[in-house]
């Protein structure tokens, strides 16, 4: 009786080691006596106990938060930059065989590439052309991890932390730029107004009726302001000889 119990326990242990259930997002890299024999799964996977061994690999997208890196840009500005990398295992066999720990290796590649790319860019480029740098980071990291069967889908620079003195300098620069634009807009408006006034003066000079109507309109605007000044309109015919005399002298 004892022999049957021992045999039963041994059979249960062998079955426990032989039967494996893998989820839809998992694959099993199978080794037989140390040699790679294939990738199995998902679902029910049966192996030979003590002869075969499996390593489970998750095929879901991994979100890796790159730690903040202290980087000096090409124009000698010290910034703190962090990023996020999205990648997934495309070939489980390579991810296990070609590299010892693909998660750690990918994280190190992401950190060094972030420092290299940001260090080769100027501050203005880092702030204004972030999408371009994201694509460059994605291309470099994906190329480096491709031999490991890993596909890097997206790299995003999340935050760029500038020194306090640089933030104040940029604030002053932005304020100066706003003042400059305001002055340019004001000067442009003055120039356009002067052009319109010059055109109006030419029209009035050619037509006495136009000048008379403008004169009466001005009187009406002054009278509508409820002031105590009494205005007596003077016909332009009375001052016309003086205007002609002034023009002849010119």
C-alpha atoms as a PDB file:
ATOM      1  CA  UNK A   1       0.000   0.000   0.000  1.00  0.00           C
ATOM      2  CA  UNK A   2       2.814   2.376   0.861  1.00  0.00           C
ATOM      3  CA  UNK A   3       4.402   1.730  -2.528  1.00  0.00           C
ATOM      4  CA  UNK A   4       1.227   2.835  -4.343  1.00  0.00           C
ATOM      5  CA  UNK A   5       1.096   6.021  -2.280  1.00  0.00           C
ATOM      6  CA  UNK A   6       4.733   6.843  -3.090  1.00  0.00           C
ATOM      7  CA  UNK A   7       4.179   6.112  -6.780  1.00  0.00           C
ATOM      8  CA  UNK A   8       1.056   8.271  -6.757  1.00  0.00           C
ATOM      9  CA  UNK A   9       2.942  11.175  -5.191  1.00  0.00           C
ATOM     10  CA  UNK A  10       5.733  10.832  -7.766  1.00  0.00           C
ATOM     11  CA  UNK A  11       3.190  10.821 -10.594  1.00  0.00           C
ATOM     12  CA  UNK A  12       1.496  13.940  -9.219  1.00  0.00           C
ATOM     13  CA  UNK A  13       4.863  15.719  -8.980  1.00  0.00           C
ATOM     14  CA  UNK A  14       5.709  14.761 -12.555  1.00  0.00           C
ATOM     15  CA  UNK A  15       2.318  15.944 -13.811  1.00  0.00           C
ATOM     16  CA  UNK A  16       2.656  19.198 -11.895  1.00  0.00           C
ATOM     17  CA  UNK A  17       5.980  19.831 -13.615  1.00  0.00           C
ATOM     18  CA  UNK A  18       4.796  18.621 -17.007  1.00  0.00           C
ATOM     19  CA  UNK A  19       1.523  20.534 -17.350  1.00  0.00           C
ATOM     20  CA  UNK A  20       1.634  24.296 -17.902  1.00  0.00           C
ATOM     21  CA  UNK A  21      -1.213  26.688 -18.715  1.00  0.00           C
ATOM     22  CA  UNK A  22      -0.207  29.869 -20.535  1.00  0.00           C
ATOM     23  CA  UNK A  23      -2.344  32.964 -20.913  1.00  0.00           C
ATOM     24  CA  UNK A  24      -3.159  34.427 -24.325  1.00  0.00           C
ATOM     25  CA  UNK A  25      -0.462  37.097 -23.893  1.00  0.00           C
ATOM     26  CA  UNK A  26       2.230  34.598 -22.819  1.00  0.00           C
ATOM     27  CA  UNK A  27       4.638  32.363 -24.712  1.00  0.00           C
ATOM     28  CA  UNK A  28       6.888  29.584 -23.423  1.00  0.00           C
ATOM     29  CA  UNK A  29      10.485  29.348 -24.611  1.00  0.00           C
ATOM     30  CA  UNK A  30      11.310  25.650 -24.259  1.00  0.00           C
ATOM     31  CA  UNK A  31      14.778  24.218 -23.571  1.00  0.00           C
ATOM     32  CA  UNK A  32      15.548  20.479 -23.672  1.00  0.00           C
ATOM     33  CA  UNK A  33      18.705  19.566 -21.803  1.00  0.00           C
ATOM     34  CA  UNK A  34      19.866  23.144 -22.256  1.00  0.00           C
ATOM     35  CA  UNK A  35      19.139  23.350 -25.982  1.00  0.00           C
ATOM     36  CA  UNK A  36      16.438  25.592 -27.412  1.00  0.00           C
ATOM     37  CA  UNK A  37      13.704  23.495 -29.048  1.00  0.00           C
ATOM     38  CA  UNK A  38      10.942  26.031 -29.790  1.00  0.00           C
ATOM     39  CA  UNK A  39       8.301  28.449 -28.594  1.00  0.00           C
ATOM     40  CA  UNK A  40       4.955  27.127 -27.380  1.00  0.00           C
ATOM     41  CA  UNK A  41       1.639  28.528 -26.231  1.00  0.00           C
ATOM     42  CA  UNK A  42      -0.717  29.987 -25.402  1.00  0.00           C
ATOM     43  CA  UNK A  43      -2.984  27.507 -23.618  1.00  0.00           C
ATOM     44  CA  UNK A  44      -2.028  23.969 -22.571  1.00  0.00           C
ATOM     45  CA  UNK A  45       1.707  23.230 -22.804  1.00  0.00           C
ATOM     46  CA  UNK A  46       3.094  19.799 -21.925  1.00  0.00           C
ATOM     47  CA  UNK A  47       6.816  19.299 -21.292  1.00  0.00           C
ATOM     48  CA  UNK A  48       8.988  16.383 -20.220  1.00  0.00           C
ATOM     49  CA  UNK A  49       9.721  16.805 -16.508  1.00  0.00           C
ATOM     50  CA  UNK A  50      13.369  17.271 -15.526  1.00  0.00           C
ATOM     51  CA  UNK A  51      14.313  17.057 -19.215  1.00  0.00           C
ATOM     52  CA  UNK A  52      12.648  20.182 -20.570  1.00  0.00           C
ATOM     53  CA  UNK A  53      12.407  23.601 -19.019  1.00  0.00           C
ATOM     54  CA  UNK A  54      10.276  26.605 -20.010  1.00  0.00           C
ATOM     55  CA  UNK A  55      10.724  30.350 -19.547  1.00  0.00           C
ATOM     56  CA  UNK A  56       7.541  32.389 -19.762  1.00  0.00           C
ATOM     57  CA  UNK A  57       7.656  35.611 -21.795  1.00  0.00           C
ATOM     58  CA  UNK A  58       4.997  38.334 -21.611  1.00  0.00           C
ATOM     59  CA  UNK A  59       4.073  39.759 -25.026  1.00  0.00           C
ATOM     60  CA  UNK A  60       2.130  42.745 -23.744  1.00  0.00           C
ATOM     61  CA  UNK A  61       3.365  46.310 -24.229  1.00  0.00           C
ATOM     62  CA  UNK A  62       5.761  47.338 -21.468  1.00  0.00           C
ATOM     63  CA  UNK A  63       5.669  50.937 -20.211  1.00  0.00           C
ATOM     64  CA  UNK A  64       9.091  51.959 -18.950  1.00  0.00           C
ATOM     65  CA  UNK A  65       9.520  55.285 -17.178  1.00  0.00           C
ATOM     66  CA  UNK A  66      13.056  56.498 -17.877  1.00  0.00           C
ATOM     67  CA  UNK A  67      14.514  58.063 -14.691  1.00  0.00           C
ATOM     68  CA  UNK A  68      15.313  61.759 -14.761  1.00  0.00           C
ATOM     69  CA  UNK A  69      18.653  62.390 -16.446  1.00  0.00           C
ATOM     70  CA  UNK A  70      20.939  65.375 -15.844  1.00  0.00           C
ATOM     71  CA  UNK A  71      22.027  66.423 -19.345  1.00  0.00           C
ATOM     72  CA  UNK A  72      24.049  69.336 -20.734  1.00  0.00           C
ATOM     73  CA  UNK A  73      22.703  70.492 -24.095  1.00  0.00           C
ATOM     74  CA  UNK A  74      24.849  71.455 -27.070  1.00  0.00           C
ATOM     75  CA  UNK A  75      24.644  75.144 -26.071  1.00  0.00           C
ATOM     76  CA  UNK A  76      25.910  74.334 -22.535  1.00  0.00           C
ATOM     77  CA  UNK A  77      22.609  74.490 -20.633  1.00  0.00           C
ATOM     78  CA  UNK A  78      22.108  71.969 -17.828  1.00  0.00           C
ATOM     79  CA  UNK A  79      18.618  70.431 -17.883  1.00  0.00           C
ATOM     80  CA  UNK A  80      16.825  67.579 -16.140  1.00  0.00           C
ATOM     81  CA  UNK A  81      14.959  65.372 -18.626  1.00  0.00           C
ATOM     82  CA  UNK A  82      12.823  62.263 -18.247  1.00  0.00           C
ATOM     83  CA  UNK A  83      10.912  60.184 -20.771  1.00  0.00           C
ATOM     84  CA  UNK A  84       8.663  57.159 -21.189  1.00  0.00           C
ATOM     85  CA  UNK A  85       9.310  54.215 -23.537  1.00  0.00           C
ATOM     86  CA  UNK A  86       6.698  51.779 -24.854  1.00  0.00           C
ATOM     87  CA  UNK A  87       8.000  48.471 -26.191  1.00  0.00           C
ATOM     88  CA  UNK A  88       6.990  44.816 -26.545  1.00  0.00           C
ATOM     89  CA  UNK A  89       8.617  41.458 -27.223  1.00  0.00           C
ATOM     90  CA  UNK A  90       8.066  40.349 -30.811  1.00  0.00           C
ATOM     91  CA  UNK A  91      10.342  37.253 -30.804  1.00  0.00           C
ATOM     92  CA  UNK A  92      10.390  35.510 -27.397  1.00  0.00           C
ATOM     93  CA  UNK A  93      13.279  33.215 -28.326  1.00  0.00           C
ATOM     94  CA  UNK A  94      15.626  36.120 -29.071  1.00  0.00           C
ATOM     95  CA  UNK A  95      14.536  38.009 -25.949  1.00  0.00           C
ATOM     96  CA  UNK A  96      15.643  35.048 -23.817  1.00  0.00           C
ATOM     97  CA  UNK A  97      18.640  33.723 -25.759  1.00  0.00           C
ATOM     98  CA  UNK A  98      20.299  36.870 -27.130  1.00  0.00           C
ATOM     99  CA  UNK A  99      20.310  38.942 -23.933  1.00  0.00           C
ATOM    100  CA  UNK A 100      20.489  38.037 -20.243  1.00  0.00           C
ATOM    101  CA  UNK A 101      17.707  40.373 -19.028  1.00  0.00           C
ATOM    102  CA  UNK A 102      15.914  42.145 -21.872  1.00  0.00           C
ATOM    103  CA  UNK A 103      13.965  44.466 -19.540  1.00  0.00           C
ATOM    104  CA  UNK A 104      17.113  45.736 -17.811  1.00  0.00           C
ATOM    105  CA  UNK A 105      19.029  45.964 -21.086  1.00  0.00           C
ATOM    106  CA  UNK A 106      16.273  47.963 -22.771  1.00  0.00           C
ATOM    107  CA  UNK A 107      16.096  50.344 -19.804  1.00  0.00           C
ATOM    108  CA  UNK A 108      19.837  51.005 -19.982  1.00  0.00           C
ATOM    109  CA  UNK A 109      19.711  51.615 -23.724  1.00  0.00           C
ATOM    110  CA  UNK A 110      16.822  54.064 -23.202  1.00  0.00           C
ATOM    111  CA  UNK A 111      18.738  56.033 -20.556  1.00  0.00           C
ATOM    112  CA  UNK A 112      21.980  56.324 -22.512  1.00  0.00           C
ATOM    113  CA  UNK A 113      20.154  57.207 -25.743  1.00  0.00           C
ATOM    114  CA  UNK A 114      18.140  59.913 -23.983  1.00  0.00           C
ATOM    115  CA  UNK A 115      21.327  61.525 -22.661  1.00  0.00           C
ATOM    116  CA  UNK A 116      23.023  61.274 -26.054  1.00  0.00           C
ATOM    117  CA  UNK A 117      20.151  62.742 -28.116  1.00  0.00           C
ATOM    118  CA  UNK A 118      19.316  65.559 -25.695  1.00  0.00           C
ATOM    119  CA  UNK A 119      23.015  66.370 -25.282  1.00  0.00           C
ATOM    120  CA  UNK A 120      23.319  66.805 -29.057  1.00  0.00           C
ATOM    121  CA  UNK A 121      20.408  69.267 -29.272  1.00  0.00           C
ATOM    122  CA  UNK A 122      20.202  72.938 -28.354  1.00  0.00           C
ATOM    123  CA  UNK A 123      17.779  74.176 -25.701  1.00  0.00           C
ATOM    124  CA  UNK A 124      15.462  75.887 -28.194  1.00  0.00           C
ATOM    125  CA  UNK A 125      15.301  72.677 -30.235  1.00  0.00           C
ATOM    126  CA  UNK A 126      14.551  70.651 -27.099  1.00  0.00           C
ATOM    127  CA  UNK A 127      11.649  72.929 -26.188  1.00  0.00           C
ATOM    128  CA  UNK A 128      10.200  73.617 -29.644  1.00  0.00           C
ATOM    129  CA  UNK A 129      10.925  70.434 -31.622  1.00  0.00           C
ATOM    130  CA  UNK A 130      10.174  67.728 -29.086  1.00  0.00           C
ATOM    131  CA  UNK A 131       8.299  65.582 -31.613  1.00  0.00           C
ATOM    132  CA  UNK A 132      11.411  65.409 -33.787  1.00  0.00           C
ATOM    133  CA  UNK A 133      13.532  64.297 -30.834  1.00  0.00           C
ATOM    134  CA  UNK A 134      10.912  61.699 -29.872  1.00  0.00           C
ATOM    135  CA  UNK A 135      11.131  60.111 -33.313  1.00  0.00           C
ATOM    136  CA  UNK A 136      14.927  60.156 -33.192  1.00  0.00           C
ATOM    137  CA  UNK A 137      14.920  58.463 -29.788  1.00  0.00           C
ATOM    138  CA  UNK A 138      12.436  55.834 -30.960  1.00  0.00           C
ATOM    139  CA  UNK A 139      14.492  55.069 -34.073  1.00  0.00           C
ATOM    140  CA  UNK A 140      17.783  54.667 -32.187  1.00  0.00           C
ATOM    141  CA  UNK A 141      16.404  52.558 -29.322  1.00  0.00           C
ATOM    142  CA  UNK A 142      14.418  50.358 -31.714  1.00  0.00           C
ATOM    143  CA  UNK A 143      17.525  49.742 -33.811  1.00  0.00           C
ATOM    144  CA  UNK A 144      19.582  48.801 -30.752  1.00  0.00           C
ATOM    145  CA  UNK A 145      16.969  46.401 -29.347  1.00  0.00           C
ATOM    146  CA  UNK A 146      15.979  44.781 -32.641  1.00  0.00           C
ATOM    147  CA  UNK A 147      18.572  41.927 -32.286  1.00  0.00           C
ATOM    148  CA  UNK A 148      16.818  41.036 -29.011  1.00  0.00           C
ATOM    149  CA  UNK A 149      13.437  40.602 -30.705  1.00  0.00           C
ATOM    150  CA  UNK A 150      12.046  43.770 -29.128  1.00  0.00           C
ATOM    151  CA  UNK A 151      10.003  46.430 -30.935  1.00  0.00           C
ATOM    152  CA  UNK A 152      10.020  49.969 -29.520  1.00  0.00           C
ATOM    153  CA  UNK A 153       6.763  51.589 -30.585  1.00  0.00           C
ATOM    154  CA  UNK A 154       6.856  55.011 -28.908  1.00  0.00           C
ATOM    155  CA  UNK A 155       9.240  57.241 -26.983  1.00  0.00           C
ATOM    156  CA  UNK A 156       7.980  60.463 -25.412  1.00  0.00           C
ATOM    157  CA  UNK A 157       9.984  63.124 -23.591  1.00  0.00           C
ATOM    158  CA  UNK A 158       7.737  63.918 -20.636  1.00  0.00           C
ATOM    159  CA  UNK A 159       9.342  66.799 -18.794  1.00  0.00           C
ATOM    160  CA  UNK A 160      12.229  69.220 -19.206  1.00  0.00           C
ATOM    161  CA  UNK A 161      13.264  70.949 -15.984  1.00  0.00           C
ATOM    162  CA  UNK A 162      15.323  74.124 -16.465  1.00  0.00           C
ATOM    163  CA  UNK A 163      17.512  75.848 -13.842  1.00  0.00           C
ATOM    164  CA  UNK A 164      15.886  78.781 -12.043  1.00  0.00           C
ATOM    165  CA  UNK A 165      18.230  81.387 -13.574  1.00  0.00           C
ATOM    166  CA  UNK A 166      17.492  80.047 -17.069  1.00  0.00           C
ATOM    167  CA  UNK A 167      13.742  80.236 -16.397  1.00  0.00           C
ATOM    168  CA  UNK A 168      14.099  83.878 -15.353  1.00  0.00           C
ATOM    169  CA  UNK A 169      16.194  84.657 -18.436  1.00  0.00           C
ATOM    170  CA  UNK A 170      13.618  83.051 -20.717  1.00  0.00           C
ATOM    171  CA  UNK A 171      10.829  84.986 -18.977  1.00  0.00           C
ATOM    172  CA  UNK A 172      12.678  88.253 -19.588  1.00  0.00           C
ATOM    173  CA  UNK A 173      13.279  87.270 -23.200  1.00  0.00           C
ATOM    174  CA  UNK A 174       9.592  86.453 -23.687  1.00  0.00           C
ATOM    175  CA  UNK A 175       8.566  89.782 -22.115  1.00  0.00           C
ATOM    176  CA  UNK A 176      10.977  91.687 -24.372  1.00  0.00           C
ATOM    177  CA  UNK A 177       9.582  89.860 -27.389  1.00  0.00           C
ATOM    178  CA  UNK A 178       6.001  90.792 -26.412  1.00  0.00           C
ATOM    179  CA  UNK A 179       7.014  94.454 -25.991  1.00  0.00           C
ATOM    180  CA  UNK A 180       8.749  94.403 -29.374  1.00  0.00           C
ATOM    181  CA  UNK A 181       5.684  92.961 -31.085  1.00  0.00           C
ATOM    182  CA  UNK A 182       3.427  95.520 -29.411  1.00  0.00           C
ATOM    183  CA  UNK A 183       5.632  98.369 -30.636  1.00  0.00           C
ATOM    184  CA  UNK A 184       5.732  96.944 -34.153  1.00  0.00           C
ATOM    185  CA  UNK A 185       1.943  96.603 -34.221  1.00  0.00           C
ATOM    186  CA  UNK A 186       1.507 100.155 -32.872  1.00  0.00           C
ATOM    187  CA  UNK A 187       3.944 101.590 -35.413  1.00  0.00           C
ATOM    188  CA  UNK A 188       2.237  99.684 -38.238  1.00  0.00           C
ATOM    189  CA  UNK A 189      -1.122 101.063 -37.134  1.00  0.00           C
ATOM    190  CA  UNK A 190       0.242 104.608 -37.023  1.00  0.00           C
ATOM    191  CA  UNK A 191       1.738 104.204 -40.489  1.00  0.00           C
ATOM    192  CA  UNK A 192      -1.508 102.905 -41.960  1.00  0.00           C
ATOM    193  CA  UNK A 193      -3.492 105.688 -40.278  1.00  0.00           C
ATOM    194  CA  UNK A 194      -1.101 108.294 -41.679  1.00  0.00           C
ATOM    195  CA  UNK A 195      -1.509 106.828 -45.176  1.00  0.00           C
ATOM    196  CA  UNK A 196      -5.297 106.976 -44.896  1.00  0.00           C
ATOM    197  CA  UNK A 197      -5.179 110.560 -43.621  1.00  0.00           C
ATOM    198  CA  UNK A 198      -2.920 111.529 -46.505  1.00  0.00           C
ATOM    199  CA  UNK A 199      -5.367 109.965 -48.987  1.00  0.00           C
ATOM    200  CA  UNK A 200      -8.285 111.745 -47.319  1.00  0.00           C
ATOM    201  CA  UNK A 201      -6.444 115.072 -47.475  1.00  0.00           C
ATOM    202  CA  UNK A 202      -5.867 114.612 -51.213  1.00  0.00           C
ATOM    203  CA  UNK A 203      -9.574 113.911 -51.782  1.00  0.00           C
ATOM    204  CA  UNK A 204     -10.611 116.968 -49.752  1.00  0.00           C
ATOM    205  CA  UNK A 205      -8.091 119.106 -51.572  1.00  0.00           C
ATOM    206  CA  UNK A 206      -9.639 118.151 -54.912  1.00  0.00           C
ATOM    207  CA  UNK A 207     -13.266 118.621 -53.791  1.00  0.00           C
ATOM    208  CA  UNK A 208     -14.429 121.663 -51.837  1.00  0.00           C
ATOM    209  CA  UNK A 209     -17.822 120.033 -51.159  1.00  0.00           C
ATOM    210  CA  UNK A 210     -16.087 117.156 -49.367  1.00  0.00           C
ATOM    211  CA  UNK A 211     -14.214 119.581 -47.160  1.00  0.00           C
ATOM    212  CA  UNK A 212     -17.449 121.463 -46.396  1.00  0.00           C
ATOM    213  CA  UNK A 213     -19.260 118.238 -45.400  1.00  0.00           C
ATOM    214  CA  UNK A 214     -16.409 117.186 -43.155  1.00  0.00           C
ATOM    215  CA  UNK A 215     -16.472 120.633 -41.550  1.00  0.00           C
ATOM    216  CA  UNK A 216     -20.170 120.381 -40.773  1.00  0.00           C
ATOM    217  CA  UNK A 217     -19.787 116.838 -39.455  1.00  0.00           C
ATOM    218  CA  UNK A 218     -17.098 117.982 -37.041  1.00  0.00           C
ATOM    219  CA  UNK A 219     -19.331 120.774 -35.777  1.00  0.00           C
ATOM    220  CA  UNK A 220     -22.142 118.281 -35.164  1.00  0.00           C
ATOM    221  CA  UNK A 221     -19.822 116.002 -33.194  1.00  0.00           C
ATOM    222  CA  UNK A 222     -18.650 118.887 -31.011  1.00  0.00           C
ATOM    223  CA  UNK A 223     -22.215 120.111 -30.349  1.00  0.00           C
ATOM    224  CA  UNK A 224     -23.343 116.642 -29.254  1.00  0.00           C
ATOM    225  CA  UNK A 225     -20.901 116.540 -26.312  1.00  0.00           C
ATOM    226  CA  UNK A 226     -23.104 118.745 -24.041  1.00  0.00           C
ATOM    227  CA  UNK A 227     -20.594 121.491 -23.378  1.00  0.00           C
ATOM    228  CA  UNK A 228     -21.108 125.163 -22.666  1.00  0.00           C
ATOM    229  CA  UNK A 229     -19.205 126.383 -25.702  1.00  0.00           C
ATOM    230  CA  UNK A 230     -21.323 127.986 -28.397  1.00  0.00           C
ATOM    231  CA  UNK A 231     -20.090 127.454 -31.937  1.00  0.00           C
ATOM    232  CA  UNK A 232     -20.922 129.663 -34.871  1.00  0.00           C
ATOM    233  CA  UNK A 233     -20.084 127.957 -38.164  1.00  0.00           C
ATOM    234  CA  UNK A 234     -18.189 130.174 -40.565  1.00  0.00           C
ATOM    235  CA  UNK A 235     -18.833 129.541 -44.264  1.00  0.00           C
ATOM    236  CA  UNK A 236     -15.775 128.206 -46.033  1.00  0.00           C
ATOM    237  CA  UNK A 237     -16.294 130.753 -48.770  1.00  0.00           C
ATOM    238  CA  UNK A 238     -15.052 133.439 -46.373  1.00  0.00           C
ATOM    239  CA  UNK A 239     -11.738 131.657 -45.751  1.00  0.00           C
ATOM    240  CA  UNK A 240     -11.354 130.268 -49.252  1.00  0.00           C
ATOM    241  CA  UNK A 241      -9.422 133.342 -50.573  1.00  0.00           C
ATOM    242  CA  UNK A 242      -6.966 132.958 -47.694  1.00  0.00           C
ATOM    243  CA  UNK A 243      -6.490 129.263 -48.515  1.00  0.00           C
ATOM    244  CA  UNK A 244      -5.879 130.077 -52.184  1.00  0.00           C
ATOM    245  CA  UNK A 245      -3.412 132.804 -51.225  1.00  0.00           C
ATOM    246  CA  UNK A 246      -1.536 130.317 -49.024  1.00  0.00           C
ATOM    247  CA  UNK A 247      -1.360 127.773 -51.854  1.00  0.00           C
ATOM    248  CA  UNK A 248      -0.064 130.444 -54.316  1.00  0.00           C
ATOM    249  CA  UNK A 249       2.717 131.351 -51.931  1.00  0.00           C
ATOM    250  CA  UNK A 250       3.747 127.665 -51.811  1.00  0.00           C
END
